[in-house]
Amino acid sequence: MGLRIRGQRIAQYANGSEESIGFTGPVIVTWENRETLDEALVVGNEVLIGQVILEKLDLLVDCKNQRLIPNPAHPDYPVAMIKIA
């Protein structure tokens, strides 16, 4: 993707192992009419979208049809959920 590595972060995998991996500066992630900004972690050459990006874009995973869908409660635009303690 041509992203410039800005530094290293420690990542922990599901099996408990840890590894130092590269991270980039801000990346704009766009999906249909939704957009968010975040850093990217660089591991190998496969692009993966994590839970944080899905939450920020207010998207759900439709496993049966193998696609992303807008949250039906907010079909036209993303809504951030904020809980006040």
PDB file of N, CA and C in Angstrom:
ATOM      1  N   MET A   1       0.824  -1.202   0.000  1.00  0.00           N
ATOM      2  CA  MET A   1       0.000   0.000   0.000  1.00  0.00           C
ATOM      3  C   MET A   1       0.864   1.261   0.000  1.00  0.00           C
ATOM      4  N   GLY A   2       2.150   1.105   0.213  1.00  0.00           N
ATOM      5  CA  GLY A   2       3.017   2.270   0.173  1.00  0.00           C
ATOM      6  C   GLY A   2       2.964   3.145   1.416  1.00  0.00           C
ATOM      7  N   LEU A   3       2.585   2.582   2.546  1.00  0.00           N
ATOM      8  CA  LEU A   3       2.501   3.352   3.783  1.00  0.00           C
ATOM      9  C   LEU A   3       3.877   3.474   4.431  1.00  0.00           C
ATOM     10  N   ARG A   4       4.178   4.646   4.978  1.00  0.00           N
ATOM     11  CA  ARG A   4       5.466   4.876   5.633  1.00  0.00           C
ATOM     12  C   ARG A   4       5.377   4.424   7.098  1.00  0.00           C
ATOM     13  N   ILE A   5       6.301   3.571   7.514  1.00  0.00           N
ATOM     14  CA  ILE A   5       6.352   3.106   8.900  1.00  0.00           C
ATOM     15  C   ILE A   5       6.909   4.242   9.758  1.00  0.00           C
ATOM     16  N   ARG A   6       6.158   4.627  10.789  1.00  0.00           N
ATOM     17  CA  ARG A   6       6.561   5.738  11.664  1.00  0.00           C
ATOM     18  C   ARG A   6       7.201   5.273  12.957  1.00  0.00           C
ATOM     19  N   GLY A   7       6.959   4.037  13.333  1.00  0.00           N
ATOM     20  CA  GLY A   7       7.503   3.530  14.584  1.00  0.00           C
ATOM     21  C   GLY A   7       7.080   2.100  14.801  1.00  0.00           C
ATOM     22  N   GLN A   8       7.303   1.614  16.013  1.00  0.00           N
ATOM     23  CA  GLN A   8       6.987   0.227  16.366  1.00  0.00           C
ATOM     24  C   GLN A   8       6.018   0.195  17.550  1.00  0.00           C
ATOM     25  N   ARG A   9       5.160  -0.800  17.577  1.00  0.00           N
ATOM     26  CA  ARG A   9       4.248  -1.059  18.691  1.00  0.00           C
ATOM     27  C   ARG A   9       4.365  -2.543  19.039  1.00  0.00           C
ATOM     28  N   ILE A  10       4.098  -2.873  20.281  1.00  0.00           N
ATOM     29  CA  ILE A  10       4.023  -4.280  20.681  1.00  0.00           C
ATOM     30  C   ILE A  10       2.588  -4.747  20.457  1.00  0.00           C
ATOM     31  N   ALA A  11       2.443  -5.812  19.698  1.00  0.00           N
ATOM     32  CA  ALA A  11       1.129  -6.399  19.436  1.00  0.00           C
ATOM     33  C   ALA A  11       1.061  -7.750  20.122  1.00  0.00           C
ATOM     34  N   GLN A  12      -0.101  -8.050  20.698  1.00  0.00           N
ATOM     35  CA  GLN A  12      -0.301  -9.359  21.317  1.00  0.00           C
ATOM     36  C   GLN A  12      -1.321 -10.126  20.484  1.00  0.00           C
ATOM     37  N   TYR A  13      -0.955 -11.331  20.101  1.00  0.00           N
ATOM     38  CA  TYR A  13      -1.825 -12.184  19.303  1.00  0.00           C
ATOM     39  C   TYR A  13      -2.766 -12.989  20.200  1.00  0.00           C
ATOM     40  N   ALA A  14      -3.758 -13.623  19.600  1.00  0.00           N
ATOM     41  CA  ALA A  14      -4.751 -14.391  20.348  1.00  0.00           C
ATOM     42  C   ALA A  14      -4.121 -15.533  21.142  1.00  0.00           C
ATOM     43  N   ASN A  15      -2.991 -16.058  20.678  1.00  0.00           N
ATOM     44  CA  ASN A  15      -2.336 -17.156  21.387  1.00  0.00           C
ATOM     45  C   ASN A  15      -1.447 -16.666  22.533  1.00  0.00           C
ATOM     46  N   GLY A  16      -1.427 -15.348  22.769  1.00  0.00           N
ATOM     47  CA  GLY A  16      -0.657 -14.778  23.872  1.00  0.00           C
ATOM     48  C   GLY A  16       0.741 -14.321  23.495  1.00  0.00           C
ATOM     49  N   SER A  17       1.236 -14.698  22.325  1.00  0.00           N
ATOM     50  CA  SER A  17       2.574 -14.271  21.915  1.00  0.00           C
ATOM     51  C   SER A  17       2.567 -12.792  21.551  1.00  0.00           C
ATOM     52  N   GLU A  18       3.719 -12.159  21.700  1.00  0.00           N
ATOM     53  CA  GLU A  18       3.852 -10.743  21.401  1.00  0.00           C
ATOM     54  C   GLU A  18       4.921 -10.529  20.344  1.00  0.00           C
ATOM     55  N   GLU A  19       4.769  -9.435  19.595  1.00  0.00           N
ATOM     56  CA  GLU A  19       5.711  -9.110  18.533  1.00  0.00           C
ATOM     57  C   GLU A  19       5.733  -7.599  18.342  1.00  0.00           C
ATOM     58  N   SER A  20       6.893  -7.062  18.046  1.00  0.00           N
ATOM     59  CA  SER A  20       7.016  -5.656  17.708  1.00  0.00           C
ATOM     60  C   SER A  20       6.659  -5.505  16.229  1.00  0.00           C
ATOM     61  N   ILE A  21       5.673  -4.642  15.927  1.00  0.00           N
ATOM     62  CA  ILE A  21       5.244  -4.449  14.538  1.00  0.00           C
ATOM     63  C   ILE A  21       5.221  -2.959  14.217  1.00  0.00           C
ATOM     64  N   GLY A  22       5.300  -2.643  12.936  1.00  0.00           N
ATOM     65  CA  GLY A  22       5.312  -1.261  12.499  1.00  0.00           C
ATOM     66  C   GLY A  22       3.928  -0.636  12.529  1.00  0.00           C
ATOM     67  N   PHE A  23       3.898   0.684  12.738  1.00  0.00           N
ATOM     68  CA  PHE A  23       2.643   1.417  12.609  1.00  0.00           C
ATOM     69  C   PHE A  23       2.868   2.630  11.728  1.00  0.00           C
ATOM     70  N   THR A  24       1.804   3.075  11.085  1.00  0.00           N
ATOM     71  CA  THR A  24       1.872   4.201  10.165  1.00  0.00           C
ATOM     72  C   THR A  24       1.259   5.439  10.804  1.00  0.00           C
ATOM     73  N   GLY A  25       1.346   6.517  10.072  1.00  0.00           N
ATOM     74  CA  GLY A  25       0.645   7.732  10.472  1.00  0.00           C
ATOM     75  C   GLY A  25      -0.825   7.587  10.139  1.00  0.00           C
ATOM     76  N   PRO A  26      -1.556   8.665  10.206  1.00  0.00           N
ATOM     77  CA  PRO A  26      -2.996   8.594   9.956  1.00  0.00           C
ATOM     78  C   PRO A  26      -3.336   8.032   8.571  1.00  0.00           C
ATOM     79  N   VAL A  27      -4.323   7.149   8.551  1.00  0.00           N
ATOM     80  CA  VAL A  27      -4.844   6.556   7.325  1.00  0.00           C
ATOM     81  C   VAL A  27      -6.343   6.845   7.304  1.00  0.00           C
ATOM     82  N   ILE A  28      -6.848   7.307   6.169  1.00  0.00           N
ATOM     83  CA  ILE A  28      -8.289   7.538   6.026  1.00  0.00           C
ATOM     84  C   ILE A  28      -8.910   6.253   5.494  1.00  0.00           C
ATOM     85  N   VAL A  29      -9.876   5.725   6.232  1.00  0.00           N
ATOM     86  CA  VAL A  29     -10.605   4.523   5.825  1.00  0.00           C
ATOM     87  C   VAL A  29     -11.992   4.967   5.381  1.00  0.00           C
ATOM     88  N   THR A  30     -12.331   4.662   4.124  1.00  0.00           N
ATOM     89  CA  THR A  30     -13.625   5.063   3.558  1.00  0.00           C
ATOM     90  C   THR A  30     -14.390   3.824   3.136  1.00  0.00           C
ATOM     91  N   TRP A  31     -15.651   3.777   3.507  1.00  0.00           N
ATOM     92  CA  TRP A  31     -16.543   2.704   3.068  1.00  0.00           C
ATOM     93  C   TRP A  31     -17.873   3.344   2.735  1.00  0.00           C
ATOM     94  N   GLU A  32     -18.245   3.286   1.474  1.00  0.00           N
ATOM     95  CA  GLU A  32     -19.442   3.946   0.959  1.00  0.00           C
ATOM     96  C   GLU A  32     -19.458   5.396   1.432  1.00  0.00           C
ATOM     97  N   ASN A  33     -20.455   5.841   2.164  1.00  0.00           N
ATOM     98  CA  ASN A  33     -20.524   7.254   2.577  1.00  0.00           C
ATOM     99  C   ASN A  33     -19.993   7.474   3.994  1.00  0.00           C
ATOM    100  N   ARG A  34     -19.185   6.550   4.488  1.00  0.00           N
ATOM    101  CA  ARG A  34     -18.650   6.641   5.843  1.00  0.00           C
ATOM    102  C   ARG A  34     -17.128   6.752   5.797  1.00  0.00           C
ATOM    103  N   GLU A  35     -16.577   7.535   6.709  1.00  0.00           N
ATOM    104  CA  GLU A  35     -15.135   7.758   6.697  1.00  0.00           C
ATOM    105  C   GLU A  35     -14.628   7.945   8.113  1.00  0.00           C
ATOM    106  N   THR A  36     -13.422   7.410   8.386  1.00  0.00           N
ATOM    107  CA  THR A  36     -12.786   7.597   9.685  1.00  0.00           C
ATOM    108  C   THR A  36     -11.277   7.668   9.493  1.00  0.00           C
ATOM    109  N   LEU A  37     -10.605   8.098  10.524  1.00  0.00           N
ATOM    110  CA  LEU A  37      -9.159   8.274  10.492  1.00  0.00           C
ATOM    111  C   LEU A  37      -8.547   7.465  11.623  1.00  0.00           C
ATOM    112  N   ASP A  38      -7.462   6.733  11.329  1.00  0.00           N
ATOM    113  CA  ASP A  38      -6.783   5.939  12.357  1.00  0.00           C
ATOM    114  C   ASP A  38      -5.388   5.589  11.863  1.00  0.00           C
ATOM    115  N   GLU A  39      -4.542   5.069  12.756  1.00  0.00           N
ATOM    116  CA  GLU A  39      -3.248   4.555  12.336  1.00  0.00           C
ATOM    117  C   GLU A  39      -3.450   3.128  11.841  1.00  0.00           C
ATOM    118  N   ALA A  40      -2.489   2.635  11.077  1.00  0.00           N
ATOM    119  CA  ALA A  40      -2.539   1.255  10.605  1.00  0.00           C
ATOM    120  C   ALA A  40      -1.362   0.499  11.199  1.00  0.00           C
ATOM    121  N   LEU A  41      -1.598  -0.730  11.606  1.00  0.00           N
ATOM    122  CA  LEU A  41      -0.536  -1.623  12.042  1.00  0.00           C
ATOM    123  C   LEU A  41      -0.154  -2.478  10.847  1.00  0.00           C
ATOM    124  N   VAL A  42       1.142  -2.655  10.624  1.00  0.00           N
ATOM    125  CA  VAL A  42       1.621  -3.334   9.428  1.00  0.00           C
ATOM    126  C   VAL A  42       2.175  -4.699   9.807  1.00  0.00           C
ATOM    127  N   VAL A  43       1.466  -5.749   9.370  1.00  0.00           N
ATOM    128  CA  VAL A  43       1.873  -7.132   9.607  1.00  0.00           C
ATOM    129  C   VAL A  43       1.687  -7.874   8.287  1.00  0.00           C
ATOM    130  N   GLY A  44       2.775  -8.222   7.630  1.00  0.00           N
ATOM    131  CA  GLY A  44       2.664  -8.928   6.354  1.00  0.00           C
ATOM    132  C   GLY A  44       2.115  -8.032   5.262  1.00  0.00           C
ATOM    133  N   ASN A  45       1.460  -8.653   4.273  1.00  0.00           N
ATOM    134  CA  ASN A  45       0.969  -7.887   3.127  1.00  0.00           C
ATOM    135  C   ASN A  45      -0.540  -8.007   2.933  1.00  0.00           C
ATOM    136  N   GLU A  46      -1.263  -8.431   3.956  1.00  0.00           N
ATOM    137  CA  GLU A  46      -2.714  -8.567   3.877  1.00  0.00           C
ATOM    138  C   GLU A  46      -3.375  -7.421   4.628  1.00  0.00           C
ATOM    139  N   VAL A  47      -4.421  -6.844   4.047  1.00  0.00           N
ATOM    140  CA  VAL A  47      -5.147  -5.751   4.684  1.00  0.00           C
ATOM    141  C   VAL A  47      -6.284  -6.328   5.517  1.00  0.00           C
ATOM    142  N   LEU A  48      -6.284  -6.006   6.812  1.00  0.00           N
ATOM    143  CA  LEU A  48      -7.340  -6.455   7.717  1.00  0.00           C
ATOM    144  C   LEU A  48      -7.993  -5.234   8.352  1.00  0.00           C
ATOM    145  N   ILE A  49      -9.304  -5.279   8.502  1.00  0.00           N
ATOM    146  CA  ILE A  49     -10.027  -4.203   9.178  1.00  0.00           C
ATOM    147  C   ILE A  49     -10.401  -4.710  10.556  1.00  0.00           C
ATOM    148  N   GLY A  50      -9.979  -4.006  11.595  1.00  0.00           N
ATOM    149  CA  GLY A  50     -10.219  -4.435  12.961  1.00  0.00           C
ATOM    150  C   GLY A  50     -11.509  -3.888  13.546  1.00  0.00           C
ATOM    151  N   GLN A  51     -11.790  -4.302  14.762  1.00  0.00           N
ATOM    152  CA  GLN A  51     -13.019  -3.937  15.456  1.00  0.00           C
ATOM    153  C   GLN A  51     -13.138  -2.435  15.657  1.00  0.00           C
ATOM    154  N   VAL A  52     -12.036  -1.763  15.947  1.00  0.00           N
ATOM    155  CA  VAL A  52     -12.096  -0.316  16.197  1.00  0.00           C
ATOM    156  C   VAL A  52     -12.611   0.419  14.964  1.00  0.00           C
ATOM    157  N   ILE A  53     -12.102   0.066  13.791  1.00  0.00           N
ATOM    158  CA  ILE A  53     -12.555   0.716  12.553  1.00  0.00           C
ATOM    159  C   ILE A  53     -14.028   0.408  12.300  1.00  0.00           C
ATOM    160  N   LEU A  54     -14.439  -0.840  12.518  1.00  0.00           N
ATOM    161  CA  LEU A  54     -15.849  -1.195  12.334  1.00  0.00           C
ATOM    162  C   LEU A  54     -16.743  -0.374  13.258  1.00  0.00           C
ATOM    163  N   GLU A  55     -16.312  -0.192  14.515  1.00  0.00           N
ATOM    164  CA  GLU A  55     -17.100   0.596  15.460  1.00  0.00           C
ATOM    165  C   GLU A  55     -17.148   2.065  15.045  1.00  0.00           C
ATOM    166  N   LYS A  56     -16.011   2.609  14.625  1.00  0.00           N
ATOM    167  CA  LYS A  56     -15.975   4.015  14.231  1.00  0.00           C
ATOM    168  C   LYS A  56     -16.823   4.285  12.992  1.00  0.00           C
ATOM    169  N   LEU A  57     -16.883   3.308  12.073  1.00  0.00           N
ATOM    170  CA  LEU A  57     -17.719   3.454  10.883  1.00  0.00           C
ATOM    171  C   LEU A  57     -19.155   2.997  11.114  1.00  0.00           C
ATOM    172  N   ASP A  58     -19.440   2.440  12.303  1.00  0.00           N
ATOM    173  CA  ASP A  58     -20.772   1.933  12.667  1.00  0.00           C
ATOM    174  C   ASP A  58     -21.233   0.866  11.669  1.00  0.00           C
ATOM    175  N   LEU A  59     -20.335  -0.117  11.426  1.00  0.00           N
ATOM    176  CA  LEU A  59     -20.621  -1.210  10.503  1.00  0.00           C
ATOM    177  C   LEU A  59     -20.749  -2.522  11.259  1.00  0.00           C
ATOM    178  N   LEU A  60     -21.507  -3.441  10.694  1.00  0.00           N
ATOM    179  CA  LEU A  60     -21.656  -4.788  11.232  1.00  0.00           C
ATOM    180  C   LEU A  60     -21.164  -5.785  10.200  1.00  0.00           C
ATOM    181  N   VAL A  61     -20.707  -6.934  10.659  1.00  0.00           N
ATOM    182  CA  VAL A  61     -20.269  -7.999   9.760  1.00  0.00           C
ATOM    183  C   VAL A  61     -21.443  -8.948   9.540  1.00  0.00           C
ATOM    184  N   ASP A  62     -21.823  -9.125   8.287  1.00  0.00           N
ATOM    185  CA  ASP A  62     -22.851 -10.088   7.898  1.00  0.00           C
ATOM    186  C   ASP A  62     -22.109 -11.361   7.497  1.00  0.00           C
ATOM    187  N   CYS A  63     -21.924 -12.265   8.470  1.00  0.00           N
ATOM    188  CA  CYS A  63     -21.134 -13.479   8.241  1.00  0.00           C
ATOM    189  C   CYS A  63     -21.768 -14.388   7.196  1.00  0.00           C
ATOM    190  N   LYS A  64     -23.089 -14.497   7.211  1.00  0.00           N
ATOM    191  CA  LYS A  64     -23.782 -15.391   6.287  1.00  0.00           C
ATOM    192  C   LYS A  64     -23.512 -15.007   4.838  1.00  0.00           C
ATOM    193  N   ASN A  65     -23.537 -13.701   4.557  1.00  0.00           N
ATOM    194  CA  ASN A  65     -23.338 -13.217   3.190  1.00  0.00           C
ATOM    195  C   ASN A  65     -21.925 -12.686   2.939  1.00  0.00           C
ATOM    196  N   GLN A  66     -21.057 -12.786   3.948  1.00  0.00           N
ATOM    197  CA  GLN A  66     -19.654 -12.380   3.864  1.00  0.00           C
ATOM    198  C   GLN A  66     -19.497 -10.953   3.328  1.00  0.00           C
ATOM    199  N   ARG A  67     -20.113 -10.007   4.072  1.00  0.00           N
ATOM    200  CA  ARG A  67     -20.024  -8.602   3.675  1.00  0.00           C
ATOM    201  C   ARG A  67     -20.175  -7.702   4.893  1.00  0.00           C
ATOM    202  N   LEU A  68     -19.847  -6.451   4.709  1.00  0.00           N
ATOM    203  CA  LEU A  68     -20.088  -5.432   5.734  1.00  0.00           C
ATOM    204  C   LEU A  68     -21.397  -4.740   5.428  1.00  0.00           C
ATOM    205  N   ILE A  69     -22.145  -4.414   6.496  1.00  0.00           N
ATOM    206  CA  ILE A  69     -23.405  -3.687   6.312  1.00  0.00           C
ATOM    207  C   ILE A  69     -23.459  -2.541   7.319  1.00  0.00           C
ATOM    208  N   PRO A  70     -24.136  -1.453   6.949  1.00  0.00           N
ATOM    209  CA  PRO A  70     -24.336  -0.381   7.925  1.00  0.00           C
ATOM    210  C   PRO A  70     -25.201  -0.885   9.074  1.00  0.00           C
ATOM    211  N   ASN A  71     -24.953  -0.359  10.255  1.00  0.00           N
ATOM    212  CA  ASN A  71     -25.790  -0.691  11.405  1.00  0.00           C
ATOM    213  C   ASN A  71     -27.240  -0.335  11.047  1.00  0.00           C
ATOM    214  N   PRO A  72     -28.173  -1.301  11.087  1.00  0.00           N
ATOM    215  CA  PRO A  72     -29.566  -1.013  10.720  1.00  0.00           C
ATOM    216  C   PRO A  72     -30.204   0.100  11.556  1.00  0.00           C
ATOM    217  N   ALA A  73     -29.698   0.305  12.771  1.00  0.00           N
ATOM    218  CA  ALA A  73     -30.234   1.389  13.603  1.00  0.00           C
ATOM    219  C   ALA A  73     -29.802   2.761  13.086  1.00  0.00           C
ATOM    220  N   HIS A  74     -28.720   2.796  12.275  1.00  0.00           N
ATOM    221  CA  HIS A  74     -28.194   4.052  11.725  1.00  0.00           C
ATOM    222  C   HIS A  74     -27.802   3.824  10.263  1.00  0.00           C
ATOM    223  N   PRO A  75     -28.767   3.584   9.398  1.00  0.00           N
ATOM    224  CA  PRO A  75     -28.428   3.196   8.027  1.00  0.00           C
ATOM    225  C   PRO A  75     -27.813   4.303   7.169  1.00  0.00           C
ATOM    226  N   ASP A  76     -28.039   5.557   7.513  1.00  0.00           N
ATOM    227  CA  ASP A  76     -27.615   6.652   6.642  1.00  0.00           C
ATOM    228  C   ASP A  76     -26.279   7.288   7.008  1.00  0.00           C
ATOM    229  N   TYR A  77     -25.850   7.127   8.255  1.00  0.00           N
ATOM    230  CA  TYR A  77     -24.599   7.742   8.712  1.00  0.00           C
ATOM    231  C   TYR A  77     -24.160   7.050   9.994  1.00  0.00           C
ATOM    232  N   PRO A  78     -22.843   7.062  10.289  1.00  0.00           N
ATOM    233  CA  PRO A  78     -22.373   6.420  11.519  1.00  0.00           C
ATOM    234  C   PRO A  78     -22.735   7.234  12.753  1.00  0.00           C
ATOM    235  N   VAL A  79     -23.031   6.545  13.816  1.00  0.00           N
ATOM    236  CA  VAL A  79     -23.339   7.181  15.106  1.00  0.00           C
ATOM    237  C   VAL A  79     -22.375   6.615  16.144  1.00  0.00           C
ATOM    238  N   ALA A  80     -21.686   7.490  16.856  1.00  0.00           N
ATOM    239  CA  ALA A  80     -20.767   7.070  17.911  1.00  0.00           C
ATOM    240  C   ALA A  80     -21.556   6.904  19.206  1.00  0.00           C
ATOM    241  N   MET A  81     -21.382   5.781  19.862  1.00  0.00           N
ATOM    242  CA  MET A  81     -22.051   5.515  21.134  1.00  0.00           C
ATOM    243  C   MET A  81     -21.123   5.943  22.263  1.00  0.00           C
ATOM    244  N   ILE A  82     -21.582   6.835  23.127  1.00  0.00           N
ATOM    245  CA  ILE A  82     -20.781   7.335  24.228  1.00  0.00           C
ATOM    246  C   ILE A  82     -21.516   7.015  25.529  1.00  0.00           C
ATOM    247  N   LYS A  83     -20.820   6.326  26.424  1.00  0.00           N
ATOM    248  CA  LYS A  83     -21.417   5.971  27.712  1.00  0.00           C
ATOM    249  C   LYS A  83     -20.828   6.879  28.781  1.00  0.00           C
ATOM    250  N   ILE A  84     -21.693   7.563  29.504  1.00  0.00           N
ATOM    251  CA  ILE A  84     -21.268   8.444  30.580  1.00  0.00           C
ATOM    252  C   ILE A  84     -21.436   7.703  31.886  1.00  0.00           C
ATOM    253  N   ALA A  85     -20.345   7.606  32.625  1.00  0.00           N
ATOM    254  CA  ALA A  85     -20.365   6.852  33.876  1.00  0.00           C
ATOM    255  C   ALA A  85     -20.991   7.639  34.995  1.00  0.00           C
TER     256      ALA A  85
END
